[in-house]
Amino acid sequence: MQIHLSEILSKEGKAVEKKIELERTSFQFHGEEFPIVEKSPVELVITNTGNQELLIKVKVSLSVAIPCGRCLKDVITEFCLDFSREADMKLSEEEREEQLDENNYIAGYQLDVDALIADEVVLQWPMKVLCKEDCQGICSVCGQDLNLKQCGCDRTVLDPRMAAFLDIFEQFKEV
């Protein structure tokens, strides 16, 4: 969703409140795509604070399906976003991009609400998602979901530095 900012910039102190639907249906993170399974309307307040500067306040809740880090089952992860950003419209696009915020959600006088929200979701993306704290994961040998049943595979992980000794012991077994 694009919002044109020139009308807001025309009068100091002017504030515009909007309630809009998030057009985005998924998020991309580290090269993978994660579907949005639930989302509330975006509550947006844009205020001209003077001197060609804007204060953008955003509230939205959304739920994203992220695979468990161990068993790969989808885990519904909720993001309750309530944040604000400042935008100095006197700066050129290049100058705004050089700032820490990078403002890739403003192009000319257009505010891209989807990009603004995507930036915030990426900032709040969890380091690791688990379906439950004691998730057993999947067997590295056969792929069985170990939460459902044990498979009986030998999943012993040996220290690679000890592989030479294992080879010696295997030679003696053959004799």
N, C-alpha and C. Protein backbone atom coordinates (compact mmCIF):
# COMPACT_ATOMS: atom_id res chain seq x y z
N MET A 1 0.85 -1.18 0.00
CA MET A 1 0.00 0.00 0.00
C MET A 1 0.89 1.24 0.00
N GLN A 2 0.64 2.11 -0.92
CA GLN A 2 1.40 3.36 -1.05
C GLN A 2 0.55 4.52 -0.54
N ILE A 3 1.17 5.41 0.23
CA ILE A 3 0.49 6.62 0.70
C ILE A 3 1.29 7.81 0.23
N HIS A 4 0.62 8.75 -0.45
CA HIS A 4 1.27 9.96 -0.95
C HIS A 4 1.41 10.96 0.20
N LEU A 5 2.62 11.48 0.41
CA LEU A 5 2.92 12.31 1.58
C LEU A 5 2.88 13.81 1.31
N SER A 6 2.75 14.24 0.08
CA SER A 6 2.83 15.68 -0.22
C SER A 6 1.72 16.48 0.45
N GLU A 7 0.52 15.91 0.56
CA GLU A 7 -0.59 16.62 1.22
C GLU A 7 -0.28 16.86 2.70
N ILE A 8 0.31 15.87 3.35
CA ILE A 8 0.65 15.99 4.77
C ILE A 8 1.76 17.01 4.95
N LEU A 9 2.70 17.05 4.01
CA LEU A 9 3.83 17.98 4.10
C LEU A 9 3.42 19.42 3.80
N SER A 10 2.22 19.64 3.26
CA SER A 10 1.78 20.99 2.87
C SER A 10 1.46 21.89 4.05
N LYS A 11 1.21 21.32 5.24
CA LYS A 11 0.84 22.14 6.39
C LYS A 11 1.49 21.59 7.66
N GLU A 12 2.27 22.45 8.31
CA GLU A 12 2.93 22.06 9.56
C GLU A 12 1.89 21.71 10.62
N GLY A 13 2.11 20.63 11.33
CA GLY A 13 1.19 20.18 12.38
C GLY A 13 0.08 19.29 11.86
N LYS A 14 -0.03 19.16 10.57
CA LYS A 14 -1.10 18.32 10.01
C LYS A 14 -0.84 16.85 10.34
N ALA A 15 -1.89 16.16 10.73
CA ALA A 15 -1.81 14.72 11.04
C ALA A 15 -2.90 14.00 10.27
N VAL A 16 -2.54 12.84 9.75
CA VAL A 16 -3.49 12.02 9.01
C VAL A 16 -3.51 10.64 9.67
N GLU A 17 -4.73 10.18 9.97
CA GLU A 17 -4.90 8.84 10.53
C GLU A 17 -5.55 7.97 9.47
N LYS A 18 -4.99 6.78 9.30
CA LYS A 18 -5.54 5.84 8.32
C LYS A 18 -5.58 4.46 8.93
N LYS A 19 -6.56 3.69 8.52
CA LYS A 19 -6.65 2.28 8.87
C LYS A 19 -6.72 1.55 7.53
N ILE A 20 -5.66 0.80 7.23
CA ILE A 20 -5.58 0.16 5.93
C ILE A 20 -5.24 -1.32 6.09
N GLU A 21 -5.55 -2.08 5.06
CA GLU A 21 -5.23 -3.51 5.04
C GLU A 21 -3.81 -3.70 4.53
N LEU A 22 -3.09 -4.59 5.18
CA LEU A 22 -1.75 -4.95 4.75
C LEU A 22 -1.88 -5.80 3.49
N GLU A 23 -1.26 -5.38 2.40
CA GLU A 23 -1.37 -6.11 1.14
C GLU A 23 -0.48 -7.35 1.11
N ARG A 24 0.60 -7.30 1.84
CA ARG A 24 1.58 -8.39 1.85
C ARG A 24 0.93 -9.68 2.36
N THR A 25 1.28 -10.82 1.74
CA THR A 25 0.74 -12.12 2.17
C THR A 25 1.82 -13.03 2.74
N SER A 26 3.09 -12.59 2.65
CA SER A 26 4.20 -13.38 3.20
C SER A 26 5.40 -12.47 3.43
N PHE A 27 6.39 -13.01 4.15
CA PHE A 27 7.64 -12.31 4.38
C PHE A 27 8.78 -13.17 3.88
N GLN A 28 9.80 -12.53 3.33
CA GLN A 28 11.00 -13.24 2.95
C GLN A 28 12.07 -12.92 3.98
N PHE A 29 12.75 -13.98 4.45
CA PHE A 29 13.80 -13.82 5.45
C PHE A 29 14.85 -14.88 5.19
N HIS A 30 16.08 -14.46 5.03
CA HIS A 30 17.20 -15.37 4.73
C HIS A 30 16.89 -16.27 3.53
N GLY A 31 16.28 -15.69 2.50
CA GLY A 31 16.03 -16.43 1.28
C GLY A 31 14.83 -17.37 1.31
N GLU A 32 14.11 -17.42 2.42
CA GLU A 32 12.93 -18.27 2.51
C GLU A 32 11.69 -17.40 2.62
N GLU A 33 10.56 -17.96 2.21
CA GLU A 33 9.30 -17.23 2.26
C GLU A 33 8.40 -17.84 3.34
N PHE A 34 7.83 -16.97 4.18
CA PHE A 34 7.00 -17.40 5.30
C PHE A 34 5.62 -16.75 5.17
N PRO A 35 4.56 -17.56 5.10
CA PRO A 35 3.22 -16.99 4.88
C PRO A 35 2.66 -16.29 6.12
N ILE A 36 1.92 -15.23 5.87
CA ILE A 36 1.16 -14.55 6.92
C ILE A 36 -0.16 -15.29 7.03
N VAL A 37 -0.49 -15.80 8.22
CA VAL A 37 -1.72 -16.58 8.37
C VAL A 37 -2.85 -15.76 8.98
N GLU A 38 -2.50 -14.63 9.60
CA GLU A 38 -3.53 -13.76 10.19
C GLU A 38 -2.94 -12.37 10.30
N LYS A 39 -3.79 -11.35 10.07
CA LYS A 39 -3.31 -9.97 10.18
C LYS A 39 -4.47 -9.04 10.50
N SER A 40 -4.16 -8.03 11.31
CA SER A 40 -5.14 -7.00 11.63
C SER A 40 -4.92 -5.82 10.68
N PRO A 41 -5.90 -4.93 10.57
CA PRO A 41 -5.67 -3.73 9.76
C PRO A 41 -4.53 -2.89 10.37
N VAL A 42 -3.81 -2.20 9.53
CA VAL A 42 -2.70 -1.35 9.96
C VAL A 42 -3.28 -0.01 10.40
N GLU A 43 -2.98 0.38 11.64
CA GLU A 43 -3.37 1.70 12.14
C GLU A 43 -2.17 2.60 11.96
N LEU A 44 -2.35 3.67 11.19
CA LEU A 44 -1.25 4.53 10.78
C LEU A 44 -1.59 5.98 11.12
N VAL A 45 -0.65 6.67 11.77
CA VAL A 45 -0.79 8.11 12.03
C VAL A 45 0.48 8.77 11.52
N ILE A 46 0.31 9.69 10.56
CA ILE A 46 1.44 10.41 9.99
C ILE A 46 1.27 11.88 10.34
N THR A 47 2.28 12.45 11.02
CA THR A 47 2.20 13.83 11.50
C THR A 47 3.35 14.65 10.93
N ASN A 48 3.01 15.83 10.40
CA ASN A 48 4.02 16.78 9.96
C ASN A 48 4.49 17.54 11.20
N THR A 49 5.70 17.24 11.68
CA THR A 49 6.21 17.87 12.91
C THR A 49 6.90 19.20 12.62
N GLY A 50 6.90 19.63 11.40
CA GLY A 50 7.51 20.90 11.02
C GLY A 50 8.87 20.70 10.37
N ASN A 51 9.29 21.71 9.63
CA ASN A 51 10.60 21.70 8.98
C ASN A 51 10.76 20.50 8.04
N GLN A 52 9.67 20.13 7.36
CA GLN A 52 9.68 19.02 6.39
C GLN A 52 10.04 17.68 7.03
N GLU A 53 9.67 17.51 8.31
CA GLU A 53 9.92 16.25 9.00
C GLU A 53 8.58 15.60 9.36
N LEU A 54 8.55 14.27 9.23
CA LEU A 54 7.34 13.51 9.51
C LEU A 54 7.58 12.53 10.65
N LEU A 55 6.53 12.33 11.44
CA LEU A 55 6.53 11.28 12.45
C LEU A 55 5.48 10.26 12.00
N ILE A 56 5.93 9.02 11.81
CA ILE A 56 5.06 7.96 11.32
C ILE A 56 4.88 6.95 12.44
N LYS A 57 3.63 6.79 12.91
CA LYS A 57 3.33 5.82 13.97
C LYS A 57 2.52 4.68 13.36
N VAL A 58 2.88 3.45 13.74
CA VAL A 58 2.25 2.26 13.15
C VAL A 58 1.87 1.28 14.25
N LYS A 59 0.67 0.71 14.13
CA LYS A 59 0.22 -0.39 15.00
C LYS A 59 -0.39 -1.46 14.11
N VAL A 60 0.06 -2.70 14.31
CA VAL A 60 -0.50 -3.83 13.56
C VAL A 60 -0.12 -5.11 14.26
N SER A 61 -0.98 -6.10 14.17
CA SER A 61 -0.67 -7.44 14.68
C SER A 61 -0.78 -8.40 13.52
N LEU A 62 0.17 -9.32 13.44
CA LEU A 62 0.11 -10.33 12.41
C LEU A 62 0.77 -11.60 12.90
N SER A 63 0.35 -12.71 12.32
CA SER A 63 0.90 -14.02 12.67
C SER A 63 1.51 -14.64 11.42
N VAL A 64 2.71 -15.18 11.60
CA VAL A 64 3.47 -15.76 10.49
C VAL A 64 3.76 -17.22 10.81
N ALA A 65 3.65 -18.09 9.82
CA ALA A 65 3.98 -19.51 9.99
C ALA A 65 5.48 -19.68 9.74
N ILE A 66 6.21 -20.05 10.82
CA ILE A 66 7.65 -20.25 10.74
C ILE A 66 7.94 -21.69 11.16
N PRO A 67 8.73 -22.42 10.38
CA PRO A 67 9.02 -23.82 10.75
C PRO A 67 9.81 -23.92 12.05
N CYS A 68 9.50 -24.94 12.84
CA CYS A 68 10.25 -25.24 14.06
C CYS A 68 11.71 -25.51 13.68
N GLY A 69 12.62 -25.01 14.47
CA GLY A 69 14.03 -25.18 14.19
C GLY A 69 14.53 -26.60 14.34
N ARG A 70 13.72 -27.48 14.91
CA ARG A 70 14.14 -28.87 15.11
C ARG A 70 13.34 -29.87 14.27
N CYS A 71 12.00 -29.76 14.28
CA CYS A 71 11.19 -30.77 13.58
C CYS A 71 10.54 -30.25 12.29
N LEU A 72 10.66 -28.97 12.02
CA LEU A 72 10.17 -28.33 10.80
C LEU A 72 8.66 -28.18 10.71
N LYS A 73 7.90 -28.47 11.77
CA LYS A 73 6.46 -28.21 11.77
C LYS A 73 6.25 -26.70 11.85
N ASP A 74 5.21 -26.19 11.16
CA ASP A 74 4.93 -24.76 11.22
C ASP A 74 4.52 -24.35 12.63
N VAL A 75 5.10 -23.25 13.08
CA VAL A 75 4.76 -22.65 14.37
C VAL A 75 4.20 -21.27 14.06
N ILE A 76 2.99 -21.00 14.54
CA ILE A 76 2.38 -19.70 14.32
C ILE A 76 3.03 -18.72 15.30
N THR A 77 3.74 -17.73 14.75
CA THR A 77 4.49 -16.76 15.53
C THR A 77 3.83 -15.40 15.37
N GLU A 78 3.47 -14.79 16.50
CA GLU A 78 2.75 -13.52 16.46
C GLU A 78 3.71 -12.34 16.59
N PHE A 79 3.47 -11.33 15.78
CA PHE A 79 4.21 -10.09 15.84
C PHE A 79 3.21 -8.98 16.16
N CYS A 80 3.33 -8.37 17.34
CA CYS A 80 2.50 -7.23 17.73
C CYS A 80 3.37 -5.99 17.59
N LEU A 81 3.18 -5.28 16.52
CA LEU A 81 4.04 -4.14 16.21
C LEU A 81 3.38 -2.84 16.64
N ASP A 82 4.12 -2.03 17.35
CA ASP A 82 3.68 -0.70 17.78
C ASP A 82 4.95 0.15 17.80
N PHE A 83 5.19 0.88 16.71
CA PHE A 83 6.46 1.60 16.58
C PHE A 83 6.25 2.92 15.86
N SER A 84 7.29 3.75 15.90
CA SER A 84 7.25 5.01 15.17
C SER A 84 8.59 5.24 14.49
N ARG A 85 8.54 5.97 13.39
CA ARG A 85 9.73 6.33 12.61
C ARG A 85 9.65 7.81 12.28
N GLU A 86 10.82 8.42 12.21
CA GLU A 86 10.89 9.81 11.78
C GLU A 86 11.49 9.84 10.38
N ALA A 87 10.98 10.74 9.57
CA ALA A 87 11.49 10.88 8.21
C ALA A 87 11.74 12.35 7.91
N ASP A 88 12.96 12.67 7.54
CA ASP A 88 13.33 14.03 7.18
C ASP A 88 13.22 14.15 5.66
N MET A 89 12.16 14.81 5.23
CA MET A 89 11.88 14.88 3.80
C MET A 89 12.73 15.94 3.08
N LYS A 90 13.51 16.73 3.83
CA LYS A 90 14.42 17.68 3.20
C LYS A 90 15.60 16.96 2.57
N LEU A 91 15.93 15.80 3.11
CA LEU A 91 17.06 15.04 2.61
C LEU A 91 16.72 14.37 1.28
N SER A 92 17.74 14.17 0.48
CA SER A 92 17.52 13.43 -0.76
C SER A 92 17.36 11.95 -0.41
N GLU A 93 16.89 11.17 -1.38
CA GLU A 93 16.73 9.73 -1.13
C GLU A 93 18.07 9.09 -0.75
N GLU A 94 19.14 9.52 -1.41
CA GLU A 94 20.46 8.96 -1.11
C GLU A 94 20.88 9.30 0.32
N GLU A 95 20.62 10.55 0.75
CA GLU A 95 20.98 10.95 2.12
C GLU A 95 20.15 10.18 3.15
N ARG A 96 18.87 9.96 2.85
CA ARG A 96 18.03 9.19 3.77
C ARG A 96 18.52 7.75 3.88
N GLU A 97 18.95 7.17 2.75
CA GLU A 97 19.45 5.80 2.76
C GLU A 97 20.76 5.68 3.54
N GLU A 98 21.56 6.74 3.56
CA GLU A 98 22.82 6.71 4.29
C GLU A 98 22.60 6.73 5.80
N GLN A 99 21.45 7.25 6.25
CA GLN A 99 21.15 7.25 7.67
C GLN A 99 20.97 5.81 8.13
N LEU A 100 21.09 5.60 9.43
CA LEU A 100 20.97 4.25 10.00
C LEU A 100 19.65 3.59 9.64
N ASP A 101 18.58 4.35 9.61
CA ASP A 101 17.25 3.80 9.36
C ASP A 101 17.08 3.31 7.93
N GLU A 102 17.83 3.87 7.03
CA GLU A 102 17.85 3.53 5.60
C GLU A 102 16.56 3.84 4.86
N ASN A 103 15.47 4.09 5.52
CA ASN A 103 14.22 4.56 4.90
C ASN A 103 13.92 3.99 3.52
N ASN A 104 14.10 2.69 3.33
CA ASN A 104 13.79 2.11 2.02
C ASN A 104 12.29 2.02 1.79
N TYR A 105 11.50 2.53 2.73
CA TYR A 105 10.05 2.52 2.60
C TYR A 105 9.52 3.86 2.10
N ILE A 106 10.41 4.82 1.83
CA ILE A 106 9.99 6.10 1.26
C ILE A 106 10.74 6.31 -0.05
N ALA A 107 9.97 6.50 -1.11
CA ALA A 107 10.54 6.80 -2.42
C ALA A 107 9.87 8.07 -2.92
N GLY A 108 10.66 9.12 -3.06
CA GLY A 108 10.08 10.41 -3.42
C GLY A 108 9.15 10.86 -2.31
N TYR A 109 7.87 11.04 -2.65
CA TYR A 109 6.86 11.40 -1.65
C TYR A 109 5.87 10.26 -1.42
N GLN A 110 6.29 9.04 -1.69
CA GLN A 110 5.44 7.87 -1.50
C GLN A 110 5.93 7.05 -0.31
N LEU A 111 5.03 6.74 0.61
CA LEU A 111 5.33 5.87 1.74
C LEU A 111 4.82 4.47 1.41
N ASP A 112 5.71 3.48 1.40
CA ASP A 112 5.34 2.09 1.16
C ASP A 112 5.11 1.44 2.52
N VAL A 113 3.85 1.29 2.91
CA VAL A 113 3.49 0.77 4.23
C VAL A 113 3.94 -0.69 4.38
N ASP A 114 3.80 -1.49 3.33
CA ASP A 114 4.23 -2.89 3.40
C ASP A 114 5.72 -3.00 3.68
N ALA A 115 6.54 -2.18 3.02
CA ALA A 115 8.00 -2.20 3.23
C ALA A 115 8.34 -1.73 4.64
N LEU A 116 7.63 -0.72 5.14
CA LEU A 116 7.86 -0.22 6.50
C LEU A 116 7.60 -1.32 7.52
N ILE A 117 6.52 -2.05 7.36
CA ILE A 117 6.17 -3.13 8.29
C ILE A 117 7.15 -4.30 8.13
N ALA A 118 7.53 -4.60 6.90
CA ALA A 118 8.49 -5.69 6.66
C ALA A 118 9.81 -5.42 7.36
N ASP A 119 10.28 -4.18 7.34
CA ASP A 119 11.52 -3.82 8.04
C ASP A 119 11.41 -4.10 9.53
N GLU A 120 10.28 -3.75 10.11
CA GLU A 120 10.09 -3.95 11.56
C GLU A 120 9.97 -5.44 11.91
N VAL A 121 9.30 -6.20 11.06
CA VAL A 121 9.18 -7.64 11.30
C VAL A 121 10.57 -8.29 11.28
N VAL A 122 11.40 -7.91 10.32
CA VAL A 122 12.75 -8.46 10.24
C VAL A 122 13.54 -8.13 11.51
N LEU A 123 13.38 -6.92 12.03
CA LEU A 123 14.07 -6.54 13.26
C LEU A 123 13.62 -7.39 14.45
N GLN A 124 12.37 -7.82 14.45
CA GLN A 124 11.83 -8.59 15.58
C GLN A 124 11.80 -10.09 15.32
N TRP A 125 12.35 -10.53 14.18
CA TRP A 125 12.34 -11.95 13.83
C TRP A 125 13.06 -12.75 14.91
N PRO A 126 12.45 -13.82 15.41
CA PRO A 126 13.10 -14.61 16.47
C PRO A 126 14.34 -15.35 15.97
N MET A 127 15.32 -15.50 16.87
CA MET A 127 16.56 -16.21 16.52
C MET A 127 16.27 -17.68 16.21
N LYS A 128 15.41 -18.29 17.03
CA LYS A 128 15.08 -19.70 16.83
C LYS A 128 13.63 -19.90 17.25
N VAL A 129 12.90 -20.64 16.45
CA VAL A 129 11.50 -20.94 16.75
C VAL A 129 11.40 -22.43 17.04
N LEU A 130 10.77 -22.77 18.16
CA LEU A 130 10.54 -24.17 18.52
C LEU A 130 9.05 -24.40 18.72
N CYS A 131 8.56 -25.57 18.29
CA CYS A 131 7.15 -25.90 18.49
C CYS A 131 6.87 -26.14 19.97
N LYS A 132 7.87 -26.63 20.71
CA LYS A 132 7.79 -26.80 22.15
C LYS A 132 9.23 -26.89 22.66
N GLU A 133 9.43 -26.52 23.91
CA GLU A 133 10.78 -26.47 24.47
C GLU A 133 11.52 -27.79 24.36
N ASP A 134 10.82 -28.90 24.55
CA ASP A 134 11.49 -30.21 24.53
C ASP A 134 11.31 -30.93 23.19
N CYS A 135 11.20 -30.18 22.11
CA CYS A 135 11.05 -30.79 20.78
C CYS A 135 12.25 -31.70 20.51
N GLN A 136 11.96 -32.92 20.07
CA GLN A 136 13.01 -33.91 19.80
C GLN A 136 13.62 -33.75 18.41
N GLY A 137 12.94 -33.04 17.53
CA GLY A 137 13.46 -32.84 16.18
C GLY A 137 13.21 -34.04 15.29
N ILE A 138 14.01 -34.13 14.23
CA ILE A 138 13.88 -35.24 13.29
C ILE A 138 15.19 -36.04 13.29
N CYS A 139 15.09 -37.30 12.99
CA CYS A 139 16.27 -38.19 12.94
C CYS A 139 17.15 -37.76 11.77
N SER A 140 18.43 -37.59 12.04
CA SER A 140 19.36 -37.18 10.99
C SER A 140 19.68 -38.33 10.03
N VAL A 141 19.28 -39.54 10.38
CA VAL A 141 19.54 -40.70 9.52
C VAL A 141 18.36 -40.98 8.61
N CYS A 142 17.15 -41.15 9.21
CA CYS A 142 15.99 -41.57 8.40
C CYS A 142 14.93 -40.48 8.22
N GLY A 143 15.01 -39.39 8.99
CA GLY A 143 14.06 -38.30 8.83
C GLY A 143 12.78 -38.45 9.64
N GLN A 144 12.69 -39.44 10.51
CA GLN A 144 11.51 -39.66 11.34
C GLN A 144 11.33 -38.50 12.32
N ASP A 145 10.09 -38.03 12.49
CA ASP A 145 9.78 -37.02 13.50
C ASP A 145 9.86 -37.72 14.86
N LEU A 146 10.85 -37.38 15.64
CA LEU A 146 11.09 -38.06 16.91
C LEU A 146 10.10 -37.65 17.99
N ASN A 147 9.26 -36.66 17.73
CA ASN A 147 8.18 -36.30 18.66
C ASN A 147 7.04 -37.32 18.56
N LEU A 148 6.92 -37.95 17.41
CA LEU A 148 5.84 -38.91 17.18
C LEU A 148 6.24 -40.32 17.61
N LYS A 149 7.46 -40.73 17.23
CA LYS A 149 7.96 -42.04 17.65
C LYS A 149 9.47 -42.10 17.44
N GLN A 150 10.11 -42.95 18.20
CA GLN A 150 11.55 -43.16 18.05
C GLN A 150 11.78 -44.15 16.91
N CYS A 151 12.87 -43.98 16.18
CA CYS A 151 13.12 -44.81 15.01
C CYS A 151 14.14 -45.92 15.24
N GLY A 152 14.98 -45.79 16.23
CA GLY A 152 15.97 -46.81 16.51
C GLY A 152 17.26 -46.68 15.71
N CYS A 153 17.41 -45.64 14.93
CA CYS A 153 18.64 -45.43 14.16
C CYS A 153 19.79 -45.09 15.10
N ASP A 154 21.01 -45.44 14.71
CA ASP A 154 22.20 -45.07 15.47
C ASP A 154 22.57 -43.65 15.07
N ARG A 155 22.33 -42.69 15.95
CA ARG A 155 22.60 -41.28 15.68
C ARG A 155 23.81 -40.78 16.44
N THR A 156 24.68 -41.69 16.84
CA THR A 156 25.87 -41.32 17.58
C THR A 156 26.76 -40.46 16.69
N VAL A 157 27.13 -39.32 17.21
CA VAL A 157 28.01 -38.41 16.48
C VAL A 157 29.39 -38.52 17.09
N LEU A 158 30.34 -38.95 16.28
CA LEU A 158 31.70 -39.10 16.77
C LEU A 158 32.51 -37.85 16.47
N ASP A 159 33.46 -37.59 17.34
CA ASP A 159 34.37 -36.47 17.13
C ASP A 159 35.24 -36.80 15.92
N PRO A 160 35.24 -35.95 14.89
CA PRO A 160 36.01 -36.24 13.68
C PRO A 160 37.51 -36.39 13.95
N ARG A 161 37.99 -35.80 15.03
CA ARG A 161 39.41 -35.91 15.35
C ARG A 161 39.76 -37.33 15.80
N MET A 162 38.75 -38.09 16.21
CA MET A 162 38.98 -39.46 16.66
C MET A 162 38.76 -40.49 15.55
N ALA A 163 38.45 -40.03 14.35
CA ALA A 163 38.15 -40.93 13.23
C ALA A 163 39.33 -41.87 12.93
N ALA A 164 40.55 -41.39 13.05
CA ALA A 164 41.72 -42.23 12.77
C ALA A 164 41.77 -43.41 13.72
N PHE A 165 41.46 -43.17 15.01
CA PHE A 165 41.44 -44.27 15.98
C PHE A 165 40.33 -45.26 15.65
N LEU A 166 39.18 -44.77 15.22
CA LEU A 166 38.07 -45.65 14.85
C LEU A 166 38.47 -46.55 13.69
N ASP A 167 39.20 -45.99 12.72
CA ASP A 167 39.67 -46.78 11.58
C ASP A 167 40.60 -47.90 12.04
N ILE A 168 41.47 -47.61 13.01
CA ILE A 168 42.38 -48.63 13.54
C ILE A 168 41.60 -49.75 14.19
N PHE A 169 40.61 -49.39 15.02
CA PHE A 169 39.80 -50.40 15.69
C PHE A 169 39.00 -51.24 14.69
N GLU A 170 38.52 -50.62 13.63
CA GLU A 170 37.78 -51.36 12.60
C GLU A 170 38.70 -52.36 11.90
N GLN A 171 39.98 -52.02 11.71
CA GLN A 171 40.92 -52.94 11.06
C GLN A 171 41.14 -54.18 11.94
N PHE A 172 41.21 -53.97 13.26
CA PHE A 172 41.42 -55.11 14.17
C PHE A 172 40.19 -56.02 14.22
N LYS A 173 38.99 -55.44 14.02
CA LYS A 173 37.78 -56.27 14.01
C LYS A 173 37.76 -57.21 12.83
N GLU A 174 38.33 -56.77 11.71
CA GLU A 174 38.34 -57.56 10.50
C GLU A 174 39.30 -58.74 10.59
N VAL A 175 40.30 -58.66 11.46
CA VAL A 175 41.34 -59.69 11.57
C VAL A 175 40.87 -60.86 12.40
